[in-house]
Amino acid sequence: MKDFSKELTYKTSRSSGAGGQNVNKVETAVTVMWKLSDTDFFNDDEIELISTKLKNRINLEGILQLTVSESRTQLQNKKIATDRILEIVNKSLIKPKPRRATKPSKRQIEKRITAKKHLGEKKENRKFRF
């Protein structure tokens, strides 16, 4: 897990929600921003992978942005935002294993066909005959 928190920039704003009268005076919501093109921690392949996986979260200037206003304190929101953006970026770097197509075994095919025949016989026995 790469820690690129030195490249993050923060912006504060007034938060909605809990806080009482304090919510109108104190800027507790934290927006963390990371410019993908200016990074020194990732190589070109990793940057391309991040940008494709997080394309819905990256704006037109190439900035990954995340706003947190869960806590009543700015410091706690800053910590949550930093942890979350690090987690999102590091998750996007994980490459899924390619799926290999497999055929069902002969035993599985045989078992499926016998189950179908058994069900068909059961339904056939329900029919009324003269």
Protein backbone atom coordinates (compact mmCIF):
# COMPACT_ATOMS: atom_id res chain seq x y z
CA MET A 1 0.00 0.00 0.00
CA LYS A 2 1.55 3.24 -1.16
CA ASP A 3 1.25 6.30 1.06
CA PHE A 4 1.07 9.40 -1.14
CA SER A 5 -0.50 11.62 1.54
CA LYS A 6 2.22 14.26 1.03
CA GLU A 7 0.72 15.03 -2.40
CA LEU A 8 -2.80 15.64 -1.05
CA THR A 9 -4.27 19.11 -0.68
CA TYR A 10 -7.14 19.97 1.63
CA LYS A 11 -9.96 22.49 1.53
CA THR A 12 -12.44 23.11 4.34
CA SER A 13 -16.06 24.20 4.18
CA ARG A 14 -19.09 24.45 6.40
CA SER A 15 -20.61 21.10 7.15
CA SER A 16 -24.29 20.24 7.26
CA GLY A 17 -25.80 17.91 9.84
CA ALA A 18 -25.06 17.50 13.54
CA GLY A 19 -23.27 20.19 15.47
CA GLY A 20 -25.98 22.50 16.74
CA GLN A 21 -25.22 26.21 16.63
CA ASN A 22 -21.57 25.41 16.03
CA VAL A 23 -22.34 24.13 12.52
CA ASN A 24 -23.00 27.67 11.25
CA LYS A 25 -19.64 29.08 12.36
CA VAL A 26 -17.01 26.36 12.00
CA GLU A 27 -15.69 24.85 8.79
CA THR A 28 -15.57 21.15 9.68
CA ALA A 29 -16.19 19.51 6.29
CA VAL A 30 -12.94 18.55 4.58
CA THR A 31 -12.42 18.08 0.83
CA VAL A 32 -9.24 16.22 -0.04
CA MET A 33 -7.84 16.65 -3.57
CA TRP A 34 -5.12 14.77 -5.40
CA LYS A 35 -3.83 15.71 -8.84
CA LEU A 36 -3.16 12.48 -10.64
CA SER A 37 -0.78 13.88 -13.26
CA ASP A 38 1.58 15.48 -10.70
CA THR A 39 2.29 12.32 -8.72
CA ASP A 40 5.78 10.97 -8.11
CA PHE A 41 4.65 7.80 -6.33
CA PHE A 42 3.14 5.94 -9.29
CA ASN A 43 4.49 4.98 -12.71
CA ASP A 44 2.64 5.56 -16.00
CA ASP A 45 0.95 2.14 -16.04
CA GLU A 46 -0.36 2.60 -12.50
CA ILE A 47 -1.61 6.11 -13.30
CA GLU A 48 -3.46 4.79 -16.34
CA LEU A 49 -5.00 1.99 -14.26
CA ILE A 50 -6.09 4.44 -11.56
CA SER A 51 -7.59 6.85 -14.10
CA THR A 52 -9.58 4.12 -15.86
CA LYS A 53 -10.94 2.57 -12.67
CA LEU A 54 -11.73 5.91 -11.00
CA LYS A 55 -12.84 7.83 -14.10
CA ASN A 56 -16.21 8.67 -12.50
CA ARG A 57 -14.49 10.29 -9.50
CA ILE A 58 -11.84 12.28 -11.41
CA ASN A 59 -12.88 15.69 -12.75
CA LEU A 60 -11.86 17.33 -16.05
CA GLU A 61 -8.68 18.84 -14.54
CA GLY A 62 -7.50 15.35 -13.54
CA ILE A 63 -8.12 15.85 -9.82
CA LEU A 64 -9.48 13.08 -7.62
CA GLN A 65 -11.72 14.74 -5.06
CA LEU A 66 -13.43 13.42 -1.91
CA THR A 67 -15.48 15.31 0.68
CA VAL A 68 -16.03 14.09 4.25
CA SER A 69 -18.29 15.70 6.84
CA GLU A 70 -19.03 12.73 9.13
CA SER A 71 -17.37 13.98 12.28
CA ARG A 72 -17.92 17.21 14.22
CA THR A 73 -14.22 18.04 14.16
CA GLN A 74 -12.15 19.16 11.21
CA LEU A 75 -9.16 17.09 12.32
CA GLN A 76 -11.18 13.86 12.46
CA ASN A 77 -12.74 14.57 9.05
CA LYS A 78 -9.27 15.23 7.60
CA LYS A 79 -8.02 11.87 8.92
CA ILE A 80 -11.08 10.03 7.56
CA ALA A 81 -10.73 11.72 4.15
CA THR A 82 -7.02 10.89 3.91
CA ASP A 83 -7.57 7.25 4.87
CA ARG A 84 -10.46 6.92 2.45
CA ILE A 85 -8.65 8.40 -0.56
CA LEU A 86 -5.60 6.22 0.12
CA GLU A 87 -7.86 3.16 0.33
CA ILE A 88 -9.74 4.03 -2.89
CA VAL A 89 -6.55 4.56 -4.90
CA ASN A 90 -4.83 1.44 -3.55
CA LYS A 91 -7.93 -0.67 -4.27
CA SER A 92 -7.97 0.60 -7.83
CA LEU A 93 -4.42 -0.70 -8.36
CA ILE A 94 -5.46 -4.32 -7.73
CA LYS A 95 -5.72 -6.23 -10.98
CA PRO A 96 -8.36 -8.98 -10.97
CA LYS A 97 -7.27 -12.44 -11.97
CA PRO A 98 -8.45 -13.31 -15.48
CA ARG A 99 -11.23 -15.90 -15.57
CA ARG A 100 -10.36 -19.14 -17.28
CA ALA A 101 -13.25 -20.84 -19.05
CA THR A 102 -13.81 -24.42 -17.88
CA LYS A 103 -16.04 -27.24 -19.07
CA PRO A 104 -18.28 -29.15 -16.67
CA SER A 105 -16.99 -32.63 -15.87
CA LYS A 106 -18.63 -35.76 -17.30
CA ARG A 107 -19.92 -36.66 -13.85
CA GLN A 108 -21.63 -33.27 -13.48
CA ILE A 109 -23.27 -33.55 -16.91
CA GLU A 110 -24.46 -37.09 -16.14
CA LYS A 111 -25.83 -36.01 -12.75
CA ARG A 112 -27.75 -33.12 -14.30
CA ILE A 113 -29.30 -35.31 -16.99
CA THR A 114 -30.36 -38.01 -14.50
CA ALA A 115 -31.93 -35.36 -12.27
CA LYS A 116 -33.90 -34.02 -15.25
CA LYS A 117 -35.04 -37.53 -16.19
CA HIS A 118 -36.10 -38.22 -12.61
CA LEU A 119 -38.13 -35.01 -12.48
CA GLY A 120 -39.74 -35.83 -15.85
CA GLU A 121 -40.71 -39.34 -14.64
CA LYS A 122 -42.21 -37.83 -11.46
CA LYS A 123 -44.35 -35.45 -13.53
CA GLU A 124 -45.31 -38.27 -15.91
CA ASN A 125 -46.57 -40.35 -12.98
CA ARG A 126 -48.89 -37.52 -11.93
CA LYS A 127 -50.88 -37.76 -15.16
CA PHE A 128 -54.27 -39.42 -14.93
CA ARG A 129 -54.73 -42.46 -17.21
CA PHE A 130 -57.93 -44.31 -18.18
